[in-house]
Amino acid sequence: MPAAYSNLYLEQGTTFTTTITLDDVYGDSYNLAGYSSSSQIRKSYYSSNATATFSTSINVGNGTVTLDLAANTTANIAPGRYVYDAIITDNAHNVTTRILEGIIEVSPRVTR
């Protein structure tokens, strides 16, 4: 399954949540039993350190992966453009698949 591409918009200092829905070629929910997930933001593809790491959760029943960042985490991300991706790992077979990637734009906040 090739990774989908989606640009995201994040408002500095706010709680961020997005859900990725995975389905098979028949439109049925992808079975994520035995999978784990992870996702990071970096300033560029070549940055050695992550700018932020999403909290991720998998809902096995409906084939979704949710990415979350707390408001205190987004408050510490400088405004600008970043790259991100999300991966899932089939722990039984040790196979990792990128499911989503793109650019994430962080807008500055006014209210502090």
N, C-alpha and C. Protein backbone atom coordinates (compact mmCIF):
# COMPACT_ATOMS: atom_id res chain seq x y z
N MET A 1 0.86 -1.18 0.00
CA MET A 1 0.00 0.00 0.00
C MET A 1 0.91 1.23 0.00
N PRO A 2 0.85 2.07 -1.03
CA PRO A 2 1.66 3.28 -1.06
C PRO A 2 1.11 4.34 -0.10
N ALA A 3 2.01 5.17 0.40
CA ALA A 3 1.60 6.22 1.34
C ALA A 3 0.74 7.26 0.64
N ALA A 4 -0.29 7.70 1.34
CA ALA A 4 -1.10 8.82 0.86
C ALA A 4 -0.33 10.11 1.16
N TYR A 5 -0.66 11.17 0.43
CA TYR A 5 -0.01 12.46 0.63
C TYR A 5 -1.08 13.47 1.02
N SER A 6 -0.84 14.17 2.14
CA SER A 6 -1.80 15.17 2.59
C SER A 6 -1.07 16.27 3.36
N ASN A 7 -1.29 17.50 2.95
CA ASN A 7 -0.73 18.62 3.70
C ASN A 7 -1.65 18.93 4.87
N LEU A 8 -1.04 19.26 6.01
CA LEU A 8 -1.79 19.55 7.23
C LEU A 8 -1.52 20.98 7.69
N TYR A 9 -2.43 21.52 8.44
CA TYR A 9 -2.33 22.87 8.98
C TYR A 9 -2.44 22.78 10.49
N LEU A 10 -1.46 23.30 11.20
CA LEU A 10 -1.43 23.23 12.66
C LEU A 10 -1.36 24.64 13.21
N GLU A 11 -2.22 24.95 14.15
CA GLU A 11 -2.22 26.27 14.79
C GLU A 11 -1.40 26.19 16.07
N GLN A 12 -0.36 27.00 16.15
CA GLN A 12 0.54 27.01 17.30
C GLN A 12 -0.25 27.24 18.59
N GLY A 13 0.05 26.45 19.63
CA GLY A 13 -0.58 26.62 20.93
C GLY A 13 -1.95 26.00 21.07
N THR A 14 -2.38 25.20 20.09
CA THR A 14 -3.68 24.53 20.17
C THR A 14 -3.50 23.02 20.14
N THR A 15 -4.51 22.32 20.57
CA THR A 15 -4.51 20.86 20.50
C THR A 15 -4.76 20.44 19.06
N PHE A 16 -3.96 19.50 18.58
CA PHE A 16 -4.08 19.04 17.20
C PHE A 16 -4.42 17.56 17.19
N THR A 17 -5.42 17.19 16.40
CA THR A 17 -5.80 15.78 16.22
C THR A 17 -6.21 15.56 14.78
N THR A 18 -5.75 14.47 14.21
CA THR A 18 -6.22 14.05 12.90
C THR A 18 -6.29 12.53 12.89
N THR A 19 -7.22 12.00 12.12
CA THR A 19 -7.42 10.56 12.06
C THR A 19 -7.22 10.08 10.63
N ILE A 20 -6.45 9.02 10.49
CA ILE A 20 -6.18 8.40 9.20
C ILE A 20 -7.02 7.12 9.13
N THR A 21 -7.83 6.99 8.11
CA THR A 21 -8.66 5.80 7.95
C THR A 21 -8.05 4.92 6.86
N LEU A 22 -7.79 3.67 7.20
CA LEU A 22 -7.20 2.72 6.26
C LEU A 22 -8.26 1.69 5.86
N ASP A 23 -8.39 1.49 4.55
CA ASP A 23 -9.30 0.45 4.09
C ASP A 23 -8.63 -0.35 2.98
N ASP A 24 -9.18 -1.53 2.74
CA ASP A 24 -8.60 -2.39 1.71
C ASP A 24 -9.23 -2.07 0.34
N VAL A 25 -8.85 -2.84 -0.66
CA VAL A 25 -9.33 -2.58 -2.02
C VAL A 25 -10.84 -2.74 -2.17
N TYR A 26 -11.49 -3.38 -1.20
CA TYR A 26 -12.94 -3.57 -1.23
C TYR A 26 -13.67 -2.51 -0.41
N GLY A 27 -12.92 -1.60 0.19
CA GLY A 27 -13.53 -0.55 1.00
C GLY A 27 -13.80 -0.97 2.43
N ASP A 28 -13.35 -2.16 2.82
CA ASP A 28 -13.51 -2.62 4.19
C ASP A 28 -12.39 -2.08 5.07
N SER A 29 -12.67 -1.90 6.35
CA SER A 29 -11.66 -1.42 7.29
C SER A 29 -10.46 -2.36 7.30
N TYR A 30 -9.28 -1.76 7.27
CA TYR A 30 -8.04 -2.53 7.30
C TYR A 30 -7.85 -3.10 8.70
N ASN A 31 -7.53 -4.39 8.80
CA ASN A 31 -7.35 -5.04 10.09
C ASN A 31 -5.99 -4.65 10.68
N LEU A 32 -6.00 -3.85 11.75
CA LEU A 32 -4.77 -3.37 12.37
C LEU A 32 -4.42 -4.11 13.65
N ALA A 33 -4.99 -5.30 13.85
CA ALA A 33 -4.65 -6.11 15.02
C ALA A 33 -3.16 -6.48 14.95
N GLY A 34 -2.44 -6.25 16.04
CA GLY A 34 -1.02 -6.57 16.09
C GLY A 34 -0.11 -5.51 15.50
N TYR A 35 -0.67 -4.35 15.18
CA TYR A 35 0.13 -3.25 14.61
C TYR A 35 0.43 -2.20 15.68
N SER A 36 1.51 -1.48 15.47
CA SER A 36 1.82 -0.29 16.26
C SER A 36 2.01 0.86 15.27
N SER A 37 2.04 2.08 15.78
CA SER A 37 2.16 3.24 14.88
C SER A 37 3.07 4.28 15.50
N SER A 38 3.61 5.13 14.63
CA SER A 38 4.41 6.27 15.09
C SER A 38 4.39 7.35 14.01
N SER A 39 4.68 8.59 14.45
CA SER A 39 4.65 9.72 13.53
C SER A 39 5.47 10.86 14.10
N GLN A 40 6.21 11.54 13.23
CA GLN A 40 7.04 12.67 13.66
C GLN A 40 6.93 13.84 12.68
N ILE A 41 7.30 15.02 13.21
CA ILE A 41 7.45 16.24 12.43
C ILE A 41 8.93 16.60 12.45
N ARG A 42 9.48 16.99 11.31
CA ARG A 42 10.86 17.47 11.23
C ARG A 42 10.90 18.71 10.34
N LYS A 43 11.90 19.54 10.56
CA LYS A 43 12.05 20.76 9.75
C LYS A 43 12.31 20.41 8.29
N SER A 44 13.08 19.36 8.05
CA SER A 44 13.31 18.89 6.69
C SER A 44 13.48 17.38 6.74
N TYR A 45 13.49 16.77 5.57
CA TYR A 45 13.69 15.32 5.49
C TYR A 45 15.05 14.92 6.05
N TYR A 46 15.99 15.85 6.07
CA TYR A 46 17.36 15.55 6.45
C TYR A 46 17.69 15.97 7.88
N SER A 47 16.72 16.52 8.61
CA SER A 47 16.95 16.93 10.01
C SER A 47 17.25 15.71 10.86
N SER A 48 18.27 15.83 11.71
CA SER A 48 18.63 14.69 12.55
C SER A 48 17.72 14.56 13.77
N ASN A 49 17.07 15.65 14.17
CA ASN A 49 16.19 15.63 15.34
C ASN A 49 14.76 15.93 14.94
N ALA A 50 13.83 15.24 15.60
CA ALA A 50 12.42 15.51 15.37
C ALA A 50 12.03 16.81 16.06
N THR A 51 11.21 17.61 15.40
CA THR A 51 10.65 18.82 16.00
C THR A 51 9.59 18.45 17.02
N ALA A 52 8.78 17.45 16.71
CA ALA A 52 7.75 16.94 17.62
C ALA A 52 7.41 15.52 17.22
N THR A 53 6.96 14.76 18.20
CA THR A 53 6.52 13.40 17.98
C THR A 53 5.05 13.31 18.36
N PHE A 54 4.23 12.87 17.42
CA PHE A 54 2.81 12.71 17.69
C PHE A 54 2.58 11.56 18.67
N SER A 55 1.58 11.70 19.53
CA SER A 55 1.03 10.55 20.24
C SER A 55 0.14 9.86 19.23
N THR A 56 0.28 8.56 19.11
CA THR A 56 -0.53 7.84 18.13
C THR A 56 -1.35 6.76 18.83
N SER A 57 -2.50 6.48 18.26
CA SER A 57 -3.33 5.38 18.76
C SER A 57 -3.99 4.70 17.58
N ILE A 58 -4.18 3.40 17.73
CA ILE A 58 -4.79 2.58 16.68
C ILE A 58 -6.14 2.08 17.18
N ASN A 59 -7.16 2.21 16.34
CA ASN A 59 -8.45 1.60 16.62
C ASN A 59 -8.58 0.41 15.68
N VAL A 60 -8.36 -0.77 16.25
CA VAL A 60 -8.36 -2.00 15.46
C VAL A 60 -9.72 -2.22 14.80
N GLY A 61 -10.80 -1.90 15.51
CA GLY A 61 -12.15 -2.17 15.03
C GLY A 61 -12.54 -1.43 13.77
N ASN A 62 -12.05 -0.19 13.61
CA ASN A 62 -12.46 0.57 12.43
C ASN A 62 -11.28 0.94 11.52
N GLY A 63 -10.10 0.38 11.77
CA GLY A 63 -8.96 0.59 10.88
C GLY A 63 -8.45 2.01 10.83
N THR A 64 -8.44 2.68 11.98
CA THR A 64 -7.97 4.07 12.00
C THR A 64 -6.73 4.23 12.88
N VAL A 65 -5.93 5.22 12.50
CA VAL A 65 -4.78 5.64 13.29
C VAL A 65 -4.98 7.12 13.59
N THR A 66 -4.92 7.49 14.87
CA THR A 66 -5.11 8.87 15.27
C THR A 66 -3.77 9.47 15.71
N LEU A 67 -3.50 10.68 15.21
CA LEU A 67 -2.30 11.43 15.57
C LEU A 67 -2.72 12.60 16.44
N ASP A 68 -2.04 12.79 17.58
CA ASP A 68 -2.37 13.87 18.51
C ASP A 68 -1.12 14.63 18.93
N LEU A 69 -1.29 15.95 19.09
CA LEU A 69 -0.29 16.80 19.73
C LEU A 69 -1.01 17.68 20.75
N ALA A 70 -0.48 17.74 21.96
CA ALA A 70 -1.06 18.56 23.01
C ALA A 70 -0.75 20.04 22.75
N ALA A 71 -1.57 20.92 23.29
CA ALA A 71 -1.40 22.36 23.09
C ALA A 71 -0.03 22.84 23.59
N ASN A 72 0.45 22.30 24.72
CA ASN A 72 1.76 22.73 25.22
C ASN A 72 2.89 22.28 24.30
N THR A 73 2.68 21.23 23.52
CA THR A 73 3.68 20.79 22.54
C THR A 73 3.66 21.70 21.32
N THR A 74 2.47 22.00 20.79
CA THR A 74 2.39 22.85 19.60
C THR A 74 2.83 24.28 19.90
N ALA A 75 2.71 24.70 21.16
CA ALA A 75 3.15 26.04 21.55
C ALA A 75 4.66 26.20 21.37
N ASN A 76 5.39 25.09 21.43
CA ASN A 76 6.85 25.14 21.32
C ASN A 76 7.38 24.88 19.91
N ILE A 77 6.48 24.76 18.94
CA ILE A 77 6.90 24.60 17.55
C ILE A 77 6.89 25.96 16.88
N ALA A 78 8.03 26.36 16.36
CA ALA A 78 8.14 27.66 15.69
C ALA A 78 7.28 27.67 14.43
N PRO A 79 6.63 28.79 14.13
CA PRO A 79 5.84 28.88 12.91
C PRO A 79 6.71 28.58 11.68
N GLY A 80 6.10 27.98 10.68
CA GLY A 80 6.82 27.68 9.44
C GLY A 80 6.36 26.37 8.83
N ARG A 81 7.12 25.92 7.83
CA ARG A 81 6.81 24.68 7.12
C ARG A 81 7.70 23.56 7.62
N TYR A 82 7.09 22.40 7.76
CA TYR A 82 7.78 21.20 8.22
C TYR A 82 7.31 20.03 7.35
N VAL A 83 7.97 18.89 7.50
CA VAL A 83 7.52 17.66 6.87
C VAL A 83 7.12 16.68 7.97
N TYR A 84 6.26 15.75 7.62
CA TYR A 84 5.84 14.73 8.57
C TYR A 84 5.53 13.44 7.82
N ASP A 85 5.49 12.36 8.56
CA ASP A 85 4.94 11.13 8.02
C ASP A 85 4.39 10.30 9.17
N ALA A 86 3.64 9.28 8.83
CA ALA A 86 3.07 8.35 9.81
C ALA A 86 3.32 6.95 9.29
N ILE A 87 3.74 6.06 10.19
CA ILE A 87 4.01 4.68 9.81
C ILE A 87 3.24 3.72 10.72
N ILE A 88 2.98 2.54 10.18
CA ILE A 88 2.45 1.45 10.98
C ILE A 88 3.43 0.29 10.86
N THR A 89 3.51 -0.51 11.91
CA THR A 89 4.39 -1.67 11.90
C THR A 89 3.59 -2.91 12.27
N ASP A 90 3.65 -3.92 11.41
CA ASP A 90 3.06 -5.23 11.69
C ASP A 90 4.08 -5.93 12.59
N ASN A 91 3.79 -5.96 13.88
CA ASN A 91 4.75 -6.46 14.86
C ASN A 91 5.03 -7.96 14.71
N ALA A 92 4.08 -8.73 14.25
CA ALA A 92 4.27 -10.17 14.09
C ALA A 92 5.26 -10.49 12.97
N HIS A 93 5.26 -9.65 11.92
CA HIS A 93 6.12 -9.90 10.76
C HIS A 93 7.25 -8.90 10.62
N ASN A 94 7.32 -7.94 11.55
CA ASN A 94 8.36 -6.90 11.54
C ASN A 94 8.40 -6.16 10.19
N VAL A 95 7.22 -5.76 9.71
CA VAL A 95 7.10 -5.04 8.44
C VAL A 95 6.56 -3.64 8.74
N THR A 96 7.27 -2.62 8.30
CA THR A 96 6.87 -1.24 8.52
C THR A 96 6.41 -0.63 7.20
N THR A 97 5.27 0.09 7.26
CA THR A 97 4.68 0.71 6.08
C THR A 97 4.38 2.18 6.37
N ARG A 98 4.81 3.06 5.49
CA ARG A 98 4.43 4.46 5.61
C ARG A 98 3.01 4.61 5.05
N ILE A 99 2.11 5.19 5.85
CA ILE A 99 0.71 5.31 5.43
C ILE A 99 0.33 6.72 5.02
N LEU A 100 1.08 7.71 5.50
CA LEU A 100 0.75 9.10 5.18
C LEU A 100 2.00 9.95 5.27
N GLU A 101 2.11 10.94 4.41
CA GLU A 101 3.23 11.88 4.44
C GLU A 101 2.78 13.21 3.85
N GLY A 102 3.56 14.25 4.14
CA GLY A 102 3.24 15.55 3.56
C GLY A 102 3.93 16.68 4.27
N ILE A 103 3.46 17.87 3.99
CA ILE A 103 3.97 19.10 4.60
C ILE A 103 2.99 19.52 5.67
N ILE A 104 3.51 20.03 6.77
CA ILE A 104 2.66 20.55 7.82
C ILE A 104 3.04 22.01 8.04
N GLU A 105 2.07 22.87 7.89
CA GLU A 105 2.26 24.32 8.05
C GLU A 105 1.83 24.71 9.46
N VAL A 106 2.73 25.36 10.19
CA VAL A 106 2.43 25.81 11.56
C VAL A 106 2.22 27.31 11.53
N SER A 107 1.04 27.76 11.92
CA SER A 107 0.74 29.20 11.95
C SER A 107 1.00 29.75 13.36
N PRO A 108 1.50 30.98 13.44
CA PRO A 108 1.80 31.56 14.75
C PRO A 108 0.52 31.92 15.51
N ARG A 109 0.65 31.92 16.81
CA ARG A 109 -0.50 32.30 17.62
C ARG A 109 -0.35 33.74 18.11
N VAL A 110 -1.46 34.35 18.45
CA VAL A 110 -1.49 35.71 18.98
C VAL A 110 -1.76 35.66 20.47
N THR A 111 -2.78 34.93 20.88
CA THR A 111 -3.17 34.85 22.28
C THR A 111 -2.24 33.91 23.02
N ARG A 112 -1.67 34.43 24.12
CA ARG A 112 -0.75 33.63 24.93
C ARG A 112 -1.19 33.61 26.36
